Amino acid sequence: MKTWRRIFFFIVLLGIILIGGFAYGLFSGNDKAAQNLVISSGQGVNQVSADLKAVGLIKSKLVFETWLWLLHSENRVVAGAYNLPADISIYRLVNLITSLPVNQQQSILLPEGLDRQMIADILDKKGLSGDDFLSVTKKIADWQLAYDFLADAPKNATLEGYIFPDTYFVDNYTTIIDFIDKTLNNFDKKLTAGLRQEIKNQRKTIFAVVTLASIIEREVPNDQDKKMIADIFLKRLKIGMALQSDATINFITGKGLVQPTAKDLAVDSPYNTYKNPGLPPGPISNPGIKSIEAVLYPTDNPYYYFLTTKEGKVIYSKTYQEHLKNKAKYLD
């Protein structure tokens, strides 16, 4: 009789331990920061749990899969992009990925070099108001108290240049203000303390660096060429020579030509860097971190002129006469 009691006690104790362990695994957090999760269409529960385990979003595949089985939710996992809060538990995670409509969360890709209007067009296609975006980003002064990296920008500037290029995840509850905060918080993180100190050491302003980086971003895609052209532009600024950037002309006209026309070059605008020496009034696009770094760490070279062929190759020249010959050879 005592033996049966011992067996019964052992079974009960084991059950309590198993249930307690399961409950702990179900409700305890994962010790991870807030992050994004993408579940692809057609993934089974085993693949989803393996992926979650691999990146540390769940501590136990067994608890995750068992909880789905107990809820009869194995076929209710919704493919899509999710914003997961920090330290999320399996219990909350399962509720999240089995209860949202398929299209509630989506990603928005902002490539390097887009301007505000281009971003507004993308937002319109994603269900956010492009007009509201343009309106809310029109006055940088409205954001300067919240973000210290905006402090040295003119109060009449826009947020052009600070909408950091990246992939952002939004849902039906994301407002334009929320979206802009995401991009500015990203800029704040990407512009590290080391980069900010380097800007101070070079006696530059963040606004000036971003402005020049925005031009470089629209001039060339290659990181090595960006650093070469940064040195050319910095030398021109130092001697008072006009930047003569075709990217700024295209910003004015919206044409995107490899070689702007003579009429375009004569357009009356403070952004016309053929007619006006120095930097334009502000950024012409939203640059990535490589273009910002190019301004701070340019590649020293003997050139003062460059052109980009229709194939995207950059041709450098030391003198204006050499530059004219290269234009005749590669562009005419």
C-alpha atoms as a PDB file:
ATOM      1  CA  MET A   1       0.000   0.000   0.000  1.00  0.00           C
ATOM      2  CA  LYS A   2       2.799   2.342   0.892  1.00  0.00           C
ATOM      3  CA  THR A   3       4.426   1.564  -2.433  1.00  0.00           C
ATOM      4  CA  TRP A   4       1.298   2.632  -4.355  1.00  0.00           C
ATOM      5  CA  ARG A   5       1.119   5.806  -2.295  1.00  0.00           C
ATOM      6  CA  ARG A   6       4.710   6.565  -3.130  1.00  0.00           C
ATOM      7  CA  ILE A   7       4.072   5.939  -6.816  1.00  0.00           C
ATOM      8  CA  PHE A   8       0.959   8.123  -6.709  1.00  0.00           C
ATOM      9  CA  PHE A   9       2.850  10.869  -4.868  1.00  0.00           C
ATOM     10  CA  PHE A  10       5.683  10.637  -7.369  1.00  0.00           C
ATOM     11  CA  ILE A  11       3.261  10.882 -10.312  1.00  0.00           C
ATOM     12  CA  VAL A  12       1.519  13.898  -8.768  1.00  0.00           C
ATOM     13  CA  LEU A  13       4.837  15.566  -7.999  1.00  0.00           C
ATOM     14  CA  LEU A  14       6.068  14.873 -11.511  1.00  0.00           C
ATOM     15  CA  GLY A  15       2.861  16.296 -12.939  1.00  0.00           C
ATOM     16  CA  ILE A  16       3.209  19.436 -10.852  1.00  0.00           C
ATOM     17  CA  ILE A  17       6.800  19.839 -11.998  1.00  0.00           C
ATOM     18  CA  LEU A  18       5.866  19.322 -15.652  1.00  0.00           C
ATOM     19  CA  ILE A  19       2.895  21.666 -15.475  1.00  0.00           C
ATOM     20  CA  GLY A  20       4.962  24.240 -13.610  1.00  0.00           C
ATOM     21  CA  GLY A  21       7.751  23.986 -16.126  1.00  0.00           C
ATOM     22  CA  PHE A  22       5.304  24.248 -19.006  1.00  0.00           C
ATOM     23  CA  ALA A  23       3.641  27.284 -17.435  1.00  0.00           C
ATOM     24  CA  TYR A  24       7.019  28.918 -16.844  1.00  0.00           C
ATOM     25  CA  GLY A  25       8.024  28.314 -20.453  1.00  0.00           C
ATOM     26  CA  LEU A  26       4.668  29.614 -21.653  1.00  0.00           C
ATOM     27  CA  PHE A  27       4.536  32.864 -19.695  1.00  0.00           C
ATOM     28  CA  SER A  28       8.194  33.816 -19.207  1.00  0.00           C
ATOM     29  CA  GLY A  29       9.774  36.383 -21.526  1.00  0.00           C
ATOM     30  CA  ASN A  30      12.529  35.718 -24.045  1.00  0.00           C
ATOM     31  CA  ASP A  31      14.955  38.417 -22.788  1.00  0.00           C
ATOM     32  CA  LYS A  32      15.093  39.895 -26.301  1.00  0.00           C
ATOM     33  CA  ALA A  33      14.751  43.526 -27.382  1.00  0.00           C
ATOM     34  CA  ALA A  34      11.814  44.620 -29.528  1.00  0.00           C
ATOM     35  CA  GLN A  35      12.298  43.335 -33.061  1.00  0.00           C
ATOM     36  CA  ASN A  36      10.599  42.399 -36.307  1.00  0.00           C
ATOM     37  CA  LEU A  37       9.407  38.928 -37.304  1.00  0.00           C
ATOM     38  CA  VAL A  38       8.460  37.751 -40.782  1.00  0.00           C
ATOM     39  CA  ILE A  39       6.474  34.531 -41.219  1.00  0.00           C
ATOM     40  CA  SER A  40       6.365  33.419 -44.833  1.00  0.00           C
ATOM     41  CA  SER A  41       3.290  31.998 -46.484  1.00  0.00           C
ATOM     42  CA  GLY A  42       3.209  28.176 -46.467  1.00  0.00           C
ATOM     43  CA  GLN A  43       5.443  27.671 -43.438  1.00  0.00           C
ATOM     44  CA  GLY A  44       4.345  24.834 -41.171  1.00  0.00           C
ATOM     45  CA  VAL A  45       4.335  24.953 -37.375  1.00  0.00           C
ATOM     46  CA  ASN A  46       7.574  22.958 -37.152  1.00  0.00           C
ATOM     47  CA  GLN A  47       9.381  25.381 -39.479  1.00  0.00           C
ATOM     48  CA  VAL A  48       7.978  28.421 -37.695  1.00  0.00           C
ATOM     49  CA  SER A  49       9.031  27.096 -34.306  1.00  0.00           C
ATOM     50  CA  ALA A  50      12.496  26.161 -35.621  1.00  0.00           C
ATOM     51  CA  ASP A  51      12.960  29.672 -36.987  1.00  0.00           C
ATOM     52  CA  LEU A  52      11.778  31.241 -33.733  1.00  0.00           C
ATOM     53  CA  LYS A  53      14.088  29.019 -31.693  1.00  0.00           C
ATOM     54  CA  ALA A  54      17.065  29.782 -33.953  1.00  0.00           C
ATOM     55  CA  VAL A  55      16.830  33.538 -33.328  1.00  0.00           C
ATOM     56  CA  GLY A  56      16.014  33.193 -29.627  1.00  0.00           C
ATOM     57  CA  LEU A  57      12.408  34.395 -29.804  1.00  0.00           C
ATOM     58  CA  ILE A  58      11.238  31.229 -28.030  1.00  0.00           C
ATOM     59  CA  LYS A  59      13.134  29.159 -25.484  1.00  0.00           C
ATOM     60  CA  SER A  60      11.272  25.896 -26.110  1.00  0.00           C
ATOM     61  CA  LYS A  61       9.916  24.488 -29.356  1.00  0.00           C
ATOM     62  CA  LEU A  62       8.010  21.909 -27.330  1.00  0.00           C
ATOM     63  CA  VAL A  63       6.120  24.510 -25.306  1.00  0.00           C
ATOM     64  CA  PHE A  64       5.381  26.587 -28.425  1.00  0.00           C
ATOM     65  CA  GLU A  65       4.101  23.675 -30.492  1.00  0.00           C
ATOM     66  CA  THR A  66       2.205  22.092 -27.586  1.00  0.00           C
ATOM     67  CA  TRP A  67       0.407  25.359 -26.810  1.00  0.00           C
ATOM     68  CA  LEU A  68      -0.648  25.711 -30.444  1.00  0.00           C
ATOM     69  CA  TRP A  69      -1.902  22.106 -30.346  1.00  0.00           C
ATOM     70  CA  LEU A  70      -3.856  22.662 -27.130  1.00  0.00           C
ATOM     71  CA  LEU A  71      -5.481  25.738 -28.691  1.00  0.00           C
ATOM     72  CA  HIS A  72      -6.199  23.832 -31.935  1.00  0.00           C
ATOM     73  CA  SER A  73      -4.364  26.702 -33.666  1.00  0.00           C
ATOM     74  CA  GLU A  74      -1.792  24.822 -35.718  1.00  0.00           C
ATOM     75  CA  ASN A  75      -3.446  26.031 -38.939  1.00  0.00           C
ATOM     76  CA  ARG A  76      -4.194  29.554 -37.701  1.00  0.00           C
ATOM     77  CA  VAL A  77      -0.649  30.963 -37.859  1.00  0.00           C
ATOM     78  CA  VAL A  78      -0.915  34.030 -40.119  1.00  0.00           C
ATOM     79  CA  ALA A  79       1.896  34.829 -42.549  1.00  0.00           C
ATOM     80  CA  GLY A  80       3.060  38.416 -42.417  1.00  0.00           C
ATOM     81  CA  ALA A  81       5.436  40.945 -40.847  1.00  0.00           C
ATOM     82  CA  TYR A  82       5.129  41.521 -37.112  1.00  0.00           C
ATOM     83  CA  ASN A  83       6.477  44.112 -34.669  1.00  0.00           C
ATOM     84  CA  LEU A  84       7.286  42.088 -31.540  1.00  0.00           C
ATOM     85  CA  PRO A  85       7.594  43.937 -28.225  1.00  0.00           C
ATOM     86  CA  ALA A  86      10.605  43.359 -25.993  1.00  0.00           C
ATOM     87  CA  ASP A  87      10.725  40.267 -23.737  1.00  0.00           C
ATOM     88  CA  ILE A  88       7.650  38.697 -25.335  1.00  0.00           C
ATOM     89  CA  SER A  89       6.411  35.369 -23.944  1.00  0.00           C
ATOM     90  CA  ILE A  90       5.280  32.355 -25.971  1.00  0.00           C
ATOM     91  CA  TYR A  91       1.732  32.989 -24.713  1.00  0.00           C
ATOM     92  CA  ARG A  92       1.702  36.556 -26.122  1.00  0.00           C
ATOM     93  CA  LEU A  93       3.574  35.540 -29.262  1.00  0.00           C
ATOM     94  CA  VAL A  94       1.056  32.817 -30.130  1.00  0.00           C
ATOM     95  CA  ASN A  95      -1.830  35.231 -29.549  1.00  0.00           C
ATOM     96  CA  LEU A  96      -0.153  37.726 -31.859  1.00  0.00           C
ATOM     97  CA  ILE A  97       0.583  35.434 -34.784  1.00  0.00           C
ATOM     98  CA  THR A  98      -2.779  33.626 -34.720  1.00  0.00           C
ATOM     99  CA  SER A  99      -5.178  36.529 -34.275  1.00  0.00           C
ATOM    100  CA  LEU A 100      -4.136  39.308 -36.690  1.00  0.00           C
ATOM    101  CA  PRO A 101      -5.702  39.755 -40.121  1.00  0.00           C
ATOM    102  CA  VAL A 102      -3.286  38.787 -42.891  1.00  0.00           C
ATOM    103  CA  ASN A 103      -2.601  42.316 -44.134  1.00  0.00           C
ATOM    104  CA  GLN A 104      -2.650  44.162 -40.824  1.00  0.00           C
ATOM    105  CA  GLN A 105       1.136  44.430 -40.703  1.00  0.00           C
ATOM    106  CA  GLN A 106       3.344  45.260 -43.663  1.00  0.00           C
ATOM    107  CA  SER A 107       6.842  46.405 -44.497  1.00  0.00           C
ATOM    108  CA  ILE A 108       7.783  49.687 -46.153  1.00  0.00           C
ATOM    109  CA  LEU A 109      11.132  49.812 -47.932  1.00  0.00           C
ATOM    110  CA  LEU A 110      12.794  53.208 -48.283  1.00  0.00           C
ATOM    111  CA  PRO A 111      15.930  52.881 -50.466  1.00  0.00           C
ATOM    112  CA  GLU A 112      18.800  55.354 -50.146  1.00  0.00           C
ATOM    113  CA  GLY A 113      18.472  58.609 -52.051  1.00  0.00           C
ATOM    114  CA  LEU A 114      14.703  59.091 -52.117  1.00  0.00           C
ATOM    115  CA  ASP A 115      13.388  62.597 -51.564  1.00  0.00           C
ATOM    116  CA  ARG A 116      10.277  63.471 -49.556  1.00  0.00           C
ATOM    117  CA  GLN A 117       7.962  63.393 -52.564  1.00  0.00           C
ATOM    118  CA  MET A 118       9.214  59.941 -53.578  1.00  0.00           C
ATOM    119  CA  ILE A 119       8.633  58.692 -50.027  1.00  0.00           C
ATOM    120  CA  ALA A 120       5.144  60.215 -50.036  1.00  0.00           C
ATOM    121  CA  ASP A 121       4.342  58.294 -53.226  1.00  0.00           C
ATOM    122  CA  ILE A 122       5.438  55.032 -51.567  1.00  0.00           C
ATOM    123  CA  LEU A 123       3.355  55.734 -48.471  1.00  0.00           C
ATOM    124  CA  ASP A 124       0.266  56.362 -50.595  1.00  0.00           C
ATOM    125  CA  LYS A 125       0.654  52.895 -52.086  1.00  0.00           C
ATOM    126  CA  LYS A 126       0.991  51.396 -48.599  1.00  0.00           C
ATOM    127  CA  GLY A 127      -2.170  52.967 -47.252  1.00  0.00           C
ATOM    128  CA  LEU A 128      -0.578  55.881 -45.395  1.00  0.00           C
ATOM    129  CA  SER A 129      -1.247  59.458 -46.501  1.00  0.00           C
ATOM    130  CA  GLY A 130       1.571  60.881 -48.583  1.00  0.00           C
ATOM    131  CA  ASP A 131       0.042  64.356 -48.319  1.00  0.00           C
ATOM    132  CA  ASP A 132       0.059  64.114 -44.512  1.00  0.00           C
ATOM    133  CA  PHE A 133       3.689  62.972 -44.641  1.00  0.00           C
ATOM    134  CA  LEU A 134       4.689  65.991 -46.731  1.00  0.00           C
ATOM    135  CA  SER A 135       2.772  68.314 -44.440  1.00  0.00           C
ATOM    136  CA  VAL A 136       4.172  66.937 -41.186  1.00  0.00           C
ATOM    137  CA  THR A 137       7.768  66.873 -42.474  1.00  0.00           C
ATOM    138  CA  LYS A 138       7.607  70.399 -43.904  1.00  0.00           C
ATOM    139  CA  LYS A 139       8.744  72.165 -40.715  1.00  0.00           C
ATOM    140  CA  ILE A 140      11.857  70.817 -39.042  1.00  0.00           C
ATOM    141  CA  ALA A 141      11.250  73.256 -36.187  1.00  0.00           C
ATOM    142  CA  ASP A 142       8.333  71.075 -35.045  1.00  0.00           C
ATOM    143  CA  TRP A 143      10.769  68.201 -34.407  1.00  0.00           C
ATOM    144  CA  GLN A 144      13.898  69.927 -33.133  1.00  0.00           C
ATOM    145  CA  LEU A 145      13.062  69.714 -29.431  1.00  0.00           C
ATOM    146  CA  ALA A 146      12.540  65.960 -29.667  1.00  0.00           C
ATOM    147  CA  TYR A 147      15.740  65.126 -31.603  1.00  0.00           C
ATOM    148  CA  ASP A 148      19.026  66.805 -30.744  1.00  0.00           C
ATOM    149  CA  PHE A 149      20.648  65.938 -34.093  1.00  0.00           C
ATOM    150  CA  LEU A 150      18.235  68.417 -35.685  1.00  0.00           C
ATOM    151  CA  ALA A 151      19.366  71.287 -33.448  1.00  0.00           C
ATOM    152  CA  ASP A 152      21.862  72.838 -35.893  1.00  0.00           C
ATOM    153  CA  ALA A 153      19.446  72.830 -38.850  1.00  0.00           C
ATOM    154  CA  PRO A 154      17.781  76.091 -39.950  1.00  0.00           C
ATOM    155  CA  LYS A 155      14.296  76.382 -38.492  1.00  0.00           C
ATOM    156  CA  ASN A 156      12.822  76.935 -41.961  1.00  0.00           C
ATOM    157  CA  ALA A 157      14.246  73.653 -43.259  1.00  0.00           C
ATOM    158  CA  THR A 158      12.224  70.491 -43.840  1.00  0.00           C
ATOM    159  CA  LEU A 159      12.991  66.969 -42.595  1.00  0.00           C
ATOM    160  CA  GLU A 160      14.523  66.211 -45.996  1.00  0.00           C
ATOM    161  CA  GLY A 161      17.747  64.320 -45.345  1.00  0.00           C
ATOM    162  CA  TYR A 162      16.743  62.816 -41.996  1.00  0.00           C
ATOM    163  CA  ILE A 163      14.154  60.227 -43.066  1.00  0.00           C
ATOM    164  CA  PHE A 164      16.619  57.380 -42.733  1.00  0.00           C
ATOM    165  CA  PRO A 165      16.543  54.752 -45.526  1.00  0.00           C
ATOM    166  CA  ASP A 166      15.597  51.307 -44.234  1.00  0.00           C
ATOM    167  CA  THR A 167      12.775  48.772 -44.073  1.00  0.00           C
ATOM    168  CA  TYR A 168      10.038  49.784 -41.637  1.00  0.00           C
ATOM    169  CA  PHE A 169       7.157  47.717 -40.308  1.00  0.00           C
ATOM    170  CA  VAL A 170       3.744  49.313 -39.835  1.00  0.00           C
ATOM    171  CA  ASP A 171       0.234  48.142 -39.012  1.00  0.00           C
ATOM    172  CA  ASN A 172      -3.279  49.537 -39.143  1.00  0.00           C
ATOM    173  CA  TYR A 173      -2.624  51.579 -36.023  1.00  0.00           C
ATOM    174  CA  THR A 174       0.550  53.255 -37.277  1.00  0.00           C
ATOM    175  CA  THR A 175       0.056  56.983 -37.831  1.00  0.00           C
ATOM    176  CA  ILE A 176       2.193  59.254 -39.988  1.00  0.00           C
ATOM    177  CA  ILE A 177       3.697  60.680 -36.793  1.00  0.00           C
ATOM    178  CA  ASP A 178       4.542  57.139 -35.630  1.00  0.00           C
ATOM    179  CA  PHE A 179       6.167  56.383 -38.972  1.00  0.00           C
ATOM    180  CA  ILE A 180       8.274  59.548 -38.961  1.00  0.00           C
ATOM    181  CA  ASP A 181       9.339  58.834 -35.390  1.00  0.00           C
ATOM    182  CA  LYS A 182      10.522  55.396 -36.520  1.00  0.00           C
ATOM    183  CA  THR A 183      12.701  56.933 -39.244  1.00  0.00           C
ATOM    184  CA  LEU A 184      14.115  59.657 -36.982  1.00  0.00           C
ATOM    185  CA  ASN A 185      14.837  57.202 -34.174  1.00  0.00           C
ATOM    186  CA  ASN A 186      16.688  55.101 -36.735  1.00  0.00           C
ATOM    187  CA  PHE A 187      18.732  58.125 -37.862  1.00  0.00           C
ATOM    188  CA  ASP A 188      19.500  58.872 -34.213  1.00  0.00           C
ATOM    189  CA  LYS A 189      20.829  55.334 -33.765  1.00  0.00           C
ATOM    190  CA  LYS A 190      22.790  55.180 -37.039  1.00  0.00           C
ATOM    191  CA  LEU A 191      24.514  58.531 -36.453  1.00  0.00           C
ATOM    192  CA  THR A 192      26.697  57.112 -33.687  1.00  0.00           C
ATOM    193  CA  ALA A 193      28.509  59.029 -30.966  1.00  0.00           C
ATOM    194  CA  GLY A 194      31.734  58.445 -32.889  1.00  0.00           C
ATOM    195  CA  LEU A 195      30.339  60.018 -36.055  1.00  0.00           C
ATOM    196  CA  ARG A 196      28.955  62.979 -34.123  1.00  0.00           C
ATOM    197  CA  GLN A 197      32.311  63.532 -32.464  1.00  0.00           C
ATOM    198  CA  GLU A 198      34.029  63.392 -35.856  1.00  0.00           C
ATOM    199  CA  ILE A 199      31.636  66.058 -37.153  1.00  0.00           C
ATOM    200  CA  LYS A 200      32.576  68.273 -34.211  1.00  0.00           C
ATOM    201  CA  ASN A 201      36.280  67.569 -34.698  1.00  0.00           C
ATOM    202  CA  GLN A 202      36.008  68.691 -38.321  1.00  0.00           C
ATOM    203  CA  ARG A 203      34.090  71.807 -37.258  1.00  0.00           C
ATOM    204  CA  LYS A 204      31.136  70.851 -39.413  1.00  0.00           C
ATOM    205  CA  THR A 205      27.443  70.738 -38.591  1.00  0.00           C
ATOM    206  CA  ILE A 206      25.235  67.685 -38.899  1.00  0.00           C
ATOM    207  CA  PHE A 207      23.004  69.671 -41.256  1.00  0.00           C
ATOM    208  CA  ALA A 208      25.908  70.517 -43.588  1.00  0.00           C
ATOM    209  CA  VAL A 209      27.167  66.926 -43.567  1.00  0.00           C
ATOM    210  CA  VAL A 210      23.698  65.556 -44.340  1.00  0.00           C
ATOM    211  CA  THR A 211      23.223  68.156 -47.093  1.00  0.00           C
ATOM    212  CA  LEU A 212      26.443  67.178 -48.869  1.00  0.00           C
ATOM    213  CA  ALA A 213      25.779  63.469 -48.251  1.00  0.00           C
ATOM    214  CA  SER A 214      22.358  63.844 -49.867  1.00  0.00           C
ATOM    215  CA  ILE A 215      23.996  65.183 -53.046  1.00  0.00           C
ATOM    216  CA  ILE A 216      26.598  62.422 -53.104  1.00  0.00           C
ATOM    217  CA  GLU A 217      23.851  59.824 -52.599  1.00  0.00           C
ATOM    218  CA  ARG A 218      22.113  61.028 -55.759  1.00  0.00           C
ATOM    219  CA  GLU A 219      25.342  61.308 -57.760  1.00  0.00           C
ATOM    220  CA  VAL A 220      26.687  57.749 -57.521  1.00  0.00           C
ATOM    221  CA  PRO A 221      25.657  54.402 -55.974  1.00  0.00           C
ATOM    222  CA  ASN A 222      29.142  52.933 -55.462  1.00  0.00           C
ATOM    223  CA  ASP A 223      30.660  53.430 -51.996  1.00  0.00           C
ATOM    224  CA  GLN A 224      34.198  53.896 -53.337  1.00  0.00           C
ATOM    225  CA  ASP A 225      33.052  56.558 -55.803  1.00  0.00           C
ATOM    226  CA  LYS A 226      31.096  58.282 -53.049  1.00  0.00           C
ATOM    227  CA  LYS A 227      34.297  58.794 -51.067  1.00  0.00           C
ATOM    228  CA  MET A 228      36.142  60.008 -54.169  1.00  0.00           C
ATOM    229  CA  ILE A 229      33.422  62.501 -55.077  1.00  0.00           C
ATOM    230  CA  ALA A 230      33.156  63.649 -51.466  1.00  0.00           C
ATOM    231  CA  ASP A 231      36.801  64.711 -51.632  1.00  0.00           C
ATOM    232  CA  ILE A 232      36.177  66.558 -54.919  1.00  0.00           C
ATOM    233  CA  PHE A 233      33.188  68.426 -53.518  1.00  0.00           C
ATOM    234  CA  LEU A 234      34.990  69.270 -50.276  1.00  0.00           C
ATOM    235  CA  LYS A 235      37.907  70.713 -52.250  1.00  0.00           C
ATOM    236  CA  ARG A 236      35.533  72.795 -54.341  1.00  0.00           C
ATOM    237  CA  LEU A 237      33.823  74.132 -51.228  1.00  0.00           C
ATOM    238  CA  LYS A 238      37.185  75.002 -49.710  1.00  0.00           C
ATOM    239  CA  ILE A 239      38.286  77.138 -52.683  1.00  0.00           C
ATOM    240  CA  GLY A 240      34.867  78.683 -53.317  1.00  0.00           C
ATOM    241  CA  MET A 241      34.277  76.771 -56.524  1.00  0.00           C
ATOM    242  CA  ALA A 242      30.692  75.846 -57.455  1.00  0.00           C
ATOM    243  CA  LEU A 243      29.775  72.209 -56.775  1.00  0.00           C
ATOM    244  CA  GLN A 244      28.211  71.913 -60.249  1.00  0.00           C
ATOM    245  CA  SER A 245      26.193  68.884 -59.206  1.00  0.00           C
ATOM    246  CA  ASP A 246      23.780  67.469 -61.772  1.00  0.00           C
ATOM    247  CA  ALA A 247      21.924  65.850 -58.872  1.00  0.00           C
ATOM    248  CA  THR A 248      20.856  69.251 -57.568  1.00  0.00           C
ATOM    249  CA  ILE A 249      19.628  70.237 -61.040  1.00  0.00           C
ATOM    250  CA  ASN A 250      17.571  67.051 -61.238  1.00  0.00           C
ATOM    251  CA  PHE A 251      16.184  67.844 -57.785  1.00  0.00           C
ATOM    252  CA  ILE A 252      14.899  71.146 -59.164  1.00  0.00           C
ATOM    253  CA  THR A 253      13.535  69.820 -62.455  1.00  0.00           C
ATOM    254  CA  GLY A 254      12.534  66.332 -61.352  1.00  0.00           C
ATOM    255  CA  LYS A 255      13.893  64.927 -64.629  1.00  0.00           C
ATOM    256  CA  GLY A 256      16.639  62.585 -63.408  1.00  0.00           C
ATOM    257  CA  LEU A 257      18.862  63.110 -66.456  1.00  0.00           C
ATOM    258  CA  VAL A 258      22.437  61.820 -66.665  1.00  0.00           C
ATOM    259  CA  GLN A 259      23.333  65.075 -68.418  1.00  0.00           C
ATOM    260  CA  PRO A 260      20.926  67.991 -67.759  1.00  0.00           C
ATOM    261  CA  THR A 261      20.201  70.313 -70.651  1.00  0.00           C
ATOM    262  CA  ALA A 262      21.646  73.827 -70.975  1.00  0.00           C
ATOM    263  CA  LYS A 263      18.199  75.178 -70.154  1.00  0.00           C
ATOM    264  CA  ASP A 264      18.113  73.103 -66.975  1.00  0.00           C
ATOM    265  CA  LEU A 265      21.545  74.365 -65.932  1.00  0.00           C
ATOM    266  CA  ALA A 266      20.327  77.947 -66.245  1.00  0.00           C
ATOM    267  CA  VAL A 267      17.260  77.489 -64.046  1.00  0.00           C
ATOM    268  CA  ASP A 268      16.924  80.118 -61.329  1.00  0.00           C
ATOM    269  CA  SER A 269      16.940  78.329 -57.993  1.00  0.00           C
ATOM    270  CA  PRO A 270      19.025  78.409 -54.791  1.00  0.00           C
ATOM    271  CA  TYR A 271      19.489  74.662 -55.372  1.00  0.00           C
ATOM    272  CA  ASN A 272      21.251  75.316 -58.684  1.00  0.00           C
ATOM    273  CA  THR A 273      24.836  74.523 -57.707  1.00  0.00           C
ATOM    274  CA  TYR A 274      26.080  75.548 -61.141  1.00  0.00           C
ATOM    275  CA  LYS A 275      25.018  79.163 -60.548  1.00  0.00           C
ATOM    276  CA  ASN A 276      25.445  79.331 -56.759  1.00  0.00           C
ATOM    277  CA  PRO A 277      28.700  78.403 -55.007  1.00  0.00           C
ATOM    278  CA  GLY A 278      28.611  76.567 -51.702  1.00  0.00           C
ATOM    279  CA  LEU A 279      26.032  74.110 -50.426  1.00  0.00           C
ATOM    280  CA  PRO A 280      22.383  74.388 -51.433  1.00  0.00           C
ATOM    281  CA  PRO A 281      19.862  75.516 -48.776  1.00  0.00           C
ATOM    282  CA  GLY A 282      19.366  71.957 -47.566  1.00  0.00           C
ATOM    283  CA  PRO A 283      19.455  68.253 -48.432  1.00  0.00           C
ATOM    284  CA  ILE A 284      18.053  67.073 -51.761  1.00  0.00           C
ATOM    285  CA  SER A 285      17.465  63.455 -50.688  1.00  0.00           C
ATOM    286  CA  ASN A 286      17.631  61.160 -47.702  1.00  0.00           C
ATOM    287  CA  PRO A 287      21.115  59.612 -47.685  1.00  0.00           C
ATOM    288  CA  GLY A 288      22.285  56.330 -46.221  1.00  0.00           C
ATOM    289  CA  ILE A 289      25.064  56.007 -43.681  1.00  0.00           C
ATOM    290  CA  LYS A 290      27.716  55.265 -46.348  1.00  0.00           C
ATOM    291  CA  SER A 291      27.185  58.662 -47.966  1.00  0.00           C
ATOM    292  CA  ILE A 292      27.396  60.376 -44.580  1.00  0.00           C
ATOM    293  CA  GLU A 293      30.603  58.515 -43.815  1.00  0.00           C
ATOM    294  CA  ALA A 294      31.973  59.482 -47.238  1.00  0.00           C
ATOM    295  CA  VAL A 295      31.695  63.163 -46.300  1.00  0.00           C
ATOM    296  CA  LEU A 296      33.552  62.558 -43.034  1.00  0.00           C
ATOM    297  CA  TYR A 297      36.124  60.086 -44.370  1.00  0.00           C
ATOM    298  CA  PRO A 298      36.692  60.979 -48.047  1.00  0.00           C
ATOM    299  CA  THR A 299      39.313  59.356 -50.248  1.00  0.00           C
ATOM    300  CA  ASP A 300      42.075  61.860 -50.967  1.00  0.00           C
ATOM    301  CA  ASN A 301      42.618  62.286 -54.719  1.00  0.00           C
ATOM    302  CA  PRO A 302      44.027  64.835 -57.225  1.00  0.00           C
ATOM    303  CA  TYR A 303      40.766  65.329 -59.155  1.00  0.00           C
ATOM    304  CA  TYR A 304      38.459  68.334 -59.344  1.00  0.00           C
ATOM    305  CA  TYR A 305      36.019  67.086 -61.985  1.00  0.00           C
ATOM    306  CA  PHE A 306      34.027  63.941 -62.700  1.00  0.00           C
ATOM    307  CA  LEU A 307      31.199  62.686 -64.867  1.00  0.00           C
ATOM    308  CA  THR A 308      29.050  59.589 -64.858  1.00  0.00           C
ATOM    309  CA  THR A 309      28.509  57.662 -68.082  1.00  0.00           C
ATOM    310  CA  LYS A 310      25.120  56.277 -69.091  1.00  0.00           C
ATOM    311  CA  GLU A 311      26.394  52.886 -67.927  1.00  0.00           C
ATOM    312  CA  GLY A 312      27.084  54.291 -64.466  1.00  0.00           C
ATOM    313  CA  LYS A 313      30.876  54.431 -64.658  1.00  0.00           C
ATOM    314  CA  VAL A 314      32.520  57.459 -63.043  1.00  0.00           C
ATOM    315  CA  ILE A 315      35.247  59.206 -65.057  1.00  0.00           C
ATOM    316  CA  TYR A 316      37.558  61.561 -63.143  1.00  0.00           C
ATOM    317  CA  SER A 317      39.544  64.533 -64.451  1.00  0.00           C
ATOM    318  CA  LYS A 318      42.235  66.737 -62.929  1.00  0.00           C
ATOM    319  CA  THR A 319      41.601  69.800 -65.120  1.00  0.00           C
ATOM    320  CA  TYR A 320      38.628  71.414 -66.814  1.00  0.00           C
ATOM    321  CA  GLN A 321      40.189  70.832 -70.245  1.00  0.00           C
ATOM    322  CA  GLU A 322      40.529  67.117 -69.470  1.00  0.00           C
ATOM    323  CA  HIS A 323      36.941  67.109 -68.233  1.00  0.00           C
ATOM    324  CA  LEU A 324      35.694  68.605 -71.510  1.00  0.00           C
ATOM    325  CA  LYS A 325      37.527  65.924 -73.477  1.00  0.00           C
ATOM    326  CA  ASN A 326      35.937  63.213 -71.314  1.00  0.00           C
ATOM    327  CA  LYS A 327      32.488  64.752 -71.827  1.00  0.00           C
ATOM    328  CA  ALA A 328      32.987  64.691 -75.584  1.00  0.00           C
ATOM    329  CA  LYS A 329      34.203  61.105 -75.401  1.00  0.00           C
ATOM    330  CA  TYR A 330      31.630  59.609 -73.025  1.00  0.00           C
ATOM    331  CA  LEU A 331      28.522  61.795 -73.169  1.00  0.00           C
ATOM    332  CA  ASP A 332      28.258  63.562 -76.537  1.00  0.00           C
END
